[in-house]
Amino acid sequence: MKFDRNLDGRTRRETTAKGDIAFLPADVSTMLRPAMDDPDRALSYSLLLFEPSYLAELALSNGIGRPLDFIPTFATPDPFLHEVTAALTSAPRIKDPAGNLFTETLLNAACARILRNYAGVRYVLSGPPRLTDDQLRVAIDYINDHIRESLELRSISRAAGLSEFHFARLFKAATGVSPFQFVTRTRMERARQLLRKTRLPIFEVAHRVGYQKPSHFSARFRAISGCGRDAYRKLAGR
């Protein structure tokens, strides 16, 4: 769809497409008017809002000093930020105790993208090159010890002594999966052990691996394991 956009005193004709992102700092005036000569005037979009103070705090926690100047940007392709925004839109529908962990990971990815691509910063975004063996062990131990709980990225990264952003990035580099994926796999492995080695009822198995509703546990178990919990237990001889 075609627009005439006025952004911070500048006017440009835009032809938007899927994956385009326009970055609009809070203190910048903007006006958007559909082009009158455009026959296709239907538009679908998502609006992702961040408090400037939240981005500034994240920047400081990762070694980025002030002043932090956000750069108004006309619509331009940014497939990564578009996909993150789409995932955030669907995140509330995830029926999983690690849902908050998934959302936090996405938010940190979006913030990091904004700081890299849409902000003028005093220092380059930097951090430790990798997780140490001790940091990785502490993080995994924390996950295992709190697997019954609704684990959050903040608590896991704090246990490892890192910021949320750096931990999520370095954890995936070390393990090959995101913290959300690792927690879900750990829950399912613990569930398989309980199904093989005990006769606990399903609701108790679900509770011990962090699921308050057995139906949510069953759906996730089938998706990860490829079979239902009853079928798995039967194959295991329990």
Protein backbone atom coordinates (compact mmCIF):
# COMPACT_ATOMS: atom_id res chain seq x y z
CA MET A 1 0.00 0.00 0.00
CA LYS A 2 1.20 3.52 -0.80
CA PHE A 3 1.46 6.27 1.81
CA ASP A 4 2.65 9.82 2.08
CA ARG A 5 4.46 9.90 5.41
CA ASN A 6 5.70 13.03 7.13
CA LEU A 7 8.34 12.14 9.69
CA ASP A 8 10.21 14.74 11.71
CA GLY A 9 9.59 17.41 9.08
CA ARG A 10 10.48 15.18 6.12
CA THR A 11 7.92 13.83 3.63
CA ARG A 12 8.28 10.68 1.55
CA ARG A 13 6.05 8.48 -0.59
CA GLU A 14 6.21 4.92 0.79
CA THR A 15 5.10 1.65 -0.74
CA THR A 16 4.82 -0.71 2.20
CA ALA A 17 5.15 -4.48 2.03
CA LYS A 18 5.18 -7.37 4.49
CA GLY A 19 8.24 -7.17 6.69
CA ASP A 20 8.62 -3.38 6.53
CA ILE A 21 9.29 -1.54 9.79
CA ALA A 22 8.91 2.17 10.50
CA PHE A 23 10.65 3.31 13.69
CA LEU A 24 8.98 6.28 15.38
CA PRO A 25 10.64 7.75 18.49
CA ALA A 26 8.19 9.14 21.03
CA ASP A 27 9.32 12.75 20.67
CA VAL A 28 9.16 12.84 16.87
CA SER A 29 6.08 14.17 15.08
CA THR A 30 4.65 11.97 12.35
CA MET A 31 1.69 11.97 9.98
CA LEU A 32 0.57 9.18 7.66
CA ARG A 33 -1.83 9.69 4.76
CA PRO A 34 -2.90 6.97 2.28
CA ALA A 35 -2.11 7.84 -1.33
CA MET A 36 -5.32 8.81 -3.12
CA ASP A 37 -4.21 7.15 -6.36
CA ASP A 38 -3.67 3.74 -4.72
CA PRO A 39 -6.52 1.30 -5.54
CA ASP A 40 -5.36 -1.19 -2.89
CA ARG A 41 -6.00 0.66 0.36
CA ALA A 42 -6.22 -2.24 2.82
CA LEU A 43 -3.53 -2.38 5.47
CA SER A 44 -2.68 -4.81 8.27
CA TYR A 45 -0.01 -3.87 10.79
CA SER A 46 1.25 -4.47 14.33
CA LEU A 47 2.29 -1.73 16.75
CA LEU A 48 5.16 -2.52 19.11
CA LEU A 49 5.57 0.09 21.88
CA PHE A 50 8.52 0.45 24.27
CA GLU A 51 9.02 2.99 27.01
CA PRO A 52 12.23 4.93 26.19
CA SER A 53 13.31 4.49 29.82
CA TYR A 54 13.07 0.69 29.44
CA LEU A 55 15.37 0.74 26.41
CA ALA A 56 17.75 3.12 28.17
CA GLU A 57 17.95 0.84 31.22
CA LEU A 58 18.60 -2.18 29.02
CA ALA A 59 21.30 -0.25 27.20
CA LEU A 60 23.03 0.72 30.45
CA SER A 61 22.89 -2.86 31.75
CA ASN A 62 24.78 -3.92 28.63
CA GLY A 63 27.50 -1.29 28.69
CA ILE A 64 25.89 1.27 26.38
CA GLY A 65 26.32 4.79 27.73
CA ARG A 66 24.09 7.80 27.33
CA PRO A 67 23.09 9.87 25.46
CA LEU A 68 20.93 7.36 23.61
CA ASP A 69 19.49 8.98 20.49
CA PHE A 70 16.73 7.12 18.68
CA ILE A 71 16.68 7.63 14.92
CA PRO A 72 13.31 8.12 13.16
CA THR A 73 13.17 5.77 10.20
CA PHE A 74 10.82 5.57 7.23
CA ALA A 75 9.39 2.15 6.40
CA THR A 76 12.20 -0.20 5.43
CA PRO A 77 12.54 -4.00 5.30
CA ASP A 78 13.47 -5.54 8.65
CA PRO A 79 12.42 -9.21 8.46
CA PHE A 80 13.96 -10.03 11.85
CA LEU A 81 12.05 -7.41 13.84
CA HIS A 82 8.90 -8.21 11.86
CA GLU A 83 9.11 -11.90 12.80
CA VAL A 84 9.81 -11.07 16.45
CA THR A 85 6.76 -8.79 16.52
CA ALA A 86 4.61 -11.51 14.93
CA ALA A 87 5.83 -14.01 17.53
CA LEU A 88 5.04 -11.57 20.35
CA THR A 89 1.53 -11.20 18.96
CA SER A 90 1.00 -14.97 19.18
CA ALA A 91 2.82 -15.42 22.51
CA PRO A 92 -0.29 -14.99 24.74
CA ARG A 93 -1.78 -18.09 23.10
CA ILE A 94 1.10 -20.31 24.30
CA LYS A 95 -0.25 -22.58 27.04
CA ASP A 96 3.06 -23.42 28.66
CA PRO A 97 4.59 -22.57 32.06
CA ALA A 98 7.63 -21.30 30.16
CA GLY A 99 5.46 -18.87 28.20
CA ASN A 100 6.80 -15.89 30.16
CA LEU A 101 10.35 -17.04 29.40
CA PHE A 102 9.50 -17.13 25.69
CA THR A 103 8.00 -13.63 25.79
CA GLU A 104 10.95 -12.18 27.72
CA THR A 105 13.39 -13.68 25.21
CA LEU A 106 11.48 -12.10 22.33
CA LEU A 107 11.32 -8.71 24.06
CA ASN A 108 15.06 -8.74 24.66
CA ALA A 109 15.68 -9.69 21.03
CA ALA A 110 13.47 -6.80 19.86
CA CYS A 111 15.22 -4.34 22.18
CA ALA A 112 18.66 -5.49 21.05
CA ARG A 113 17.61 -5.03 17.42
CA ILE A 114 16.36 -1.52 18.14
CA LEU A 115 19.58 -0.58 19.93
CA ARG A 116 21.67 -1.93 17.07
CA ASN A 117 19.66 -0.56 14.12
CA TYR A 118 17.61 2.40 15.30
CA ALA A 119 19.69 4.16 17.94
CA GLY A 120 22.83 6.24 17.93
CA VAL A 121 24.85 4.95 20.90
CA ARG A 122 28.05 6.07 22.56
CA TYR A 123 29.51 2.58 22.88
CA VAL A 124 29.18 -0.52 20.73
CA LEU A 125 26.89 -3.22 22.12
CA SER A 126 29.31 -5.66 23.69
CA GLY A 127 29.53 -8.35 26.30
CA PRO A 128 31.29 -11.54 27.33
CA PRO A 129 32.30 -13.74 24.35
CA ARG A 130 30.76 -16.93 25.76
CA LEU A 131 29.33 -18.57 28.85
CA THR A 132 31.97 -20.04 31.13
CA ASP A 133 31.56 -23.67 32.11
CA ASP A 134 30.59 -22.56 35.62
CA GLN A 135 27.96 -20.12 34.35
CA LEU A 136 26.41 -22.77 32.11
CA ARG A 137 26.42 -25.33 34.94
CA VAL A 138 24.84 -22.87 37.37
CA ALA A 139 22.12 -21.95 34.87
CA ILE A 140 21.27 -25.59 34.10
CA ASP A 141 21.31 -26.49 37.80
CA TYR A 142 18.95 -23.59 38.50
CA ILE A 143 16.56 -24.79 35.79
CA ASN A 144 16.61 -28.36 37.12
CA ASP A 145 16.11 -27.23 40.72
CA HIS A 146 13.15 -24.98 39.83
CA ILE A 147 11.53 -27.06 37.09
CA ARG A 148 8.21 -27.10 39.00
CA GLU A 149 8.04 -23.31 38.86
CA SER A 150 7.16 -20.82 36.13
CA LEU A 151 10.76 -20.08 35.19
CA GLU A 152 11.61 -16.60 33.95
CA LEU A 153 14.59 -15.38 31.96
CA ARG A 154 15.41 -12.80 34.63
CA SER A 155 15.84 -15.36 37.40
CA ILE A 156 17.90 -17.78 35.29
CA SER A 157 20.22 -15.07 33.96
CA ARG A 158 20.62 -13.64 37.47
CA ALA A 159 21.73 -17.06 38.71
CA ALA A 160 24.42 -17.06 36.00
CA GLY A 161 25.45 -13.48 36.86
CA LEU A 162 24.56 -11.97 33.47
CA SER A 163 22.06 -9.54 31.97
CA GLU A 164 18.99 -11.10 30.36
CA PHE A 165 20.03 -10.12 26.84
CA HIS A 166 23.59 -11.45 27.06
CA PHE A 167 22.51 -14.62 28.82
CA ALA A 168 19.86 -15.50 26.21
CA ARG A 169 22.33 -14.95 23.36
CA LEU A 170 25.23 -16.82 24.98
CA PHE A 171 23.06 -19.66 26.26
CA LYS A 172 21.86 -20.40 22.74
CA ALA A 173 25.43 -20.23 21.45
CA ALA A 174 26.51 -22.74 24.12
CA THR A 175 23.60 -25.19 23.87
CA GLY A 176 22.21 -24.69 20.36
CA VAL A 177 18.73 -23.87 21.69
CA SER A 178 17.06 -20.89 23.33
CA PRO A 179 16.40 -20.86 27.10
CA PHE A 180 12.69 -21.40 26.37
CA GLN A 181 13.41 -24.48 24.24
CA PHE A 182 15.87 -25.85 26.81
CA VAL A 183 13.40 -25.45 29.69
CA THR A 184 10.63 -27.13 27.69
CA ARG A 185 12.89 -30.06 26.74
CA THR A 186 14.03 -30.40 30.36
CA ARG A 187 10.41 -30.53 31.52
CA MET A 188 9.60 -33.21 28.95
CA GLU A 189 12.64 -35.33 29.83
CA ARG A 190 11.70 -35.16 33.50
CA ALA A 191 8.12 -36.12 32.58
CA ARG A 192 9.34 -39.12 30.55
CA GLN A 193 11.38 -40.30 33.53
CA LEU A 194 8.35 -40.06 35.82
CA LEU A 195 6.13 -41.87 33.33
CA ARG A 196 8.70 -44.68 32.92
CA LYS A 197 9.68 -45.13 36.55
CA THR A 198 6.54 -44.32 38.56
CA ARG A 199 2.81 -44.88 38.58
CA LEU A 200 2.02 -41.29 39.51
CA PRO A 201 -1.26 -40.01 38.09
CA ILE A 202 -0.95 -37.71 35.10
CA PHE A 203 -2.00 -34.59 37.01
CA GLU A 204 0.83 -35.20 39.49
CA VAL A 205 3.37 -35.74 36.71
CA ALA A 206 2.20 -32.49 35.10
CA HIS A 207 2.51 -30.62 38.39
CA ARG A 208 6.02 -31.93 39.07
CA VAL A 209 7.27 -30.57 35.74
CA GLY A 210 5.63 -27.17 36.08
CA TYR A 211 2.24 -27.56 34.40
CA GLN A 212 -0.80 -26.54 36.41
CA LYS A 213 -3.23 -27.96 33.85
CA PRO A 214 -2.80 -31.59 32.73
CA SER A 215 -4.37 -30.73 29.35
CA HIS A 216 -1.57 -28.24 28.61
CA PHE A 217 1.02 -30.79 29.70
CA SER A 218 -0.53 -33.47 27.48
CA ALA A 219 -0.56 -31.22 24.42
CA ARG A 220 3.07 -30.21 24.90
CA PHE A 221 4.18 -33.80 25.64
CA ARG A 222 2.58 -35.06 22.42
CA ALA A 223 4.15 -32.23 20.39
CA ILE A 224 7.65 -32.91 21.78
CA SER A 225 7.57 -36.70 22.15
CA GLY A 226 5.49 -37.64 19.13
CA CYS A 227 2.99 -39.70 21.14
CA GLY A 228 0.52 -39.23 23.97
CA ARG A 229 1.48 -39.61 27.63
CA ASP A 230 -0.68 -42.76 28.07
CA ALA A 231 0.81 -44.40 24.97
CA TYR A 232 4.32 -43.55 26.17
CA ARG A 233 3.67 -45.03 29.59
CA LYS A 234 2.22 -48.17 28.04
CA LEU A 235 5.29 -48.60 25.81
CA ALA A 236 7.49 -48.16 28.87
CA GLY A 237 5.66 -50.98 30.61
CA ARG A 238 3.99 -48.83 33.25
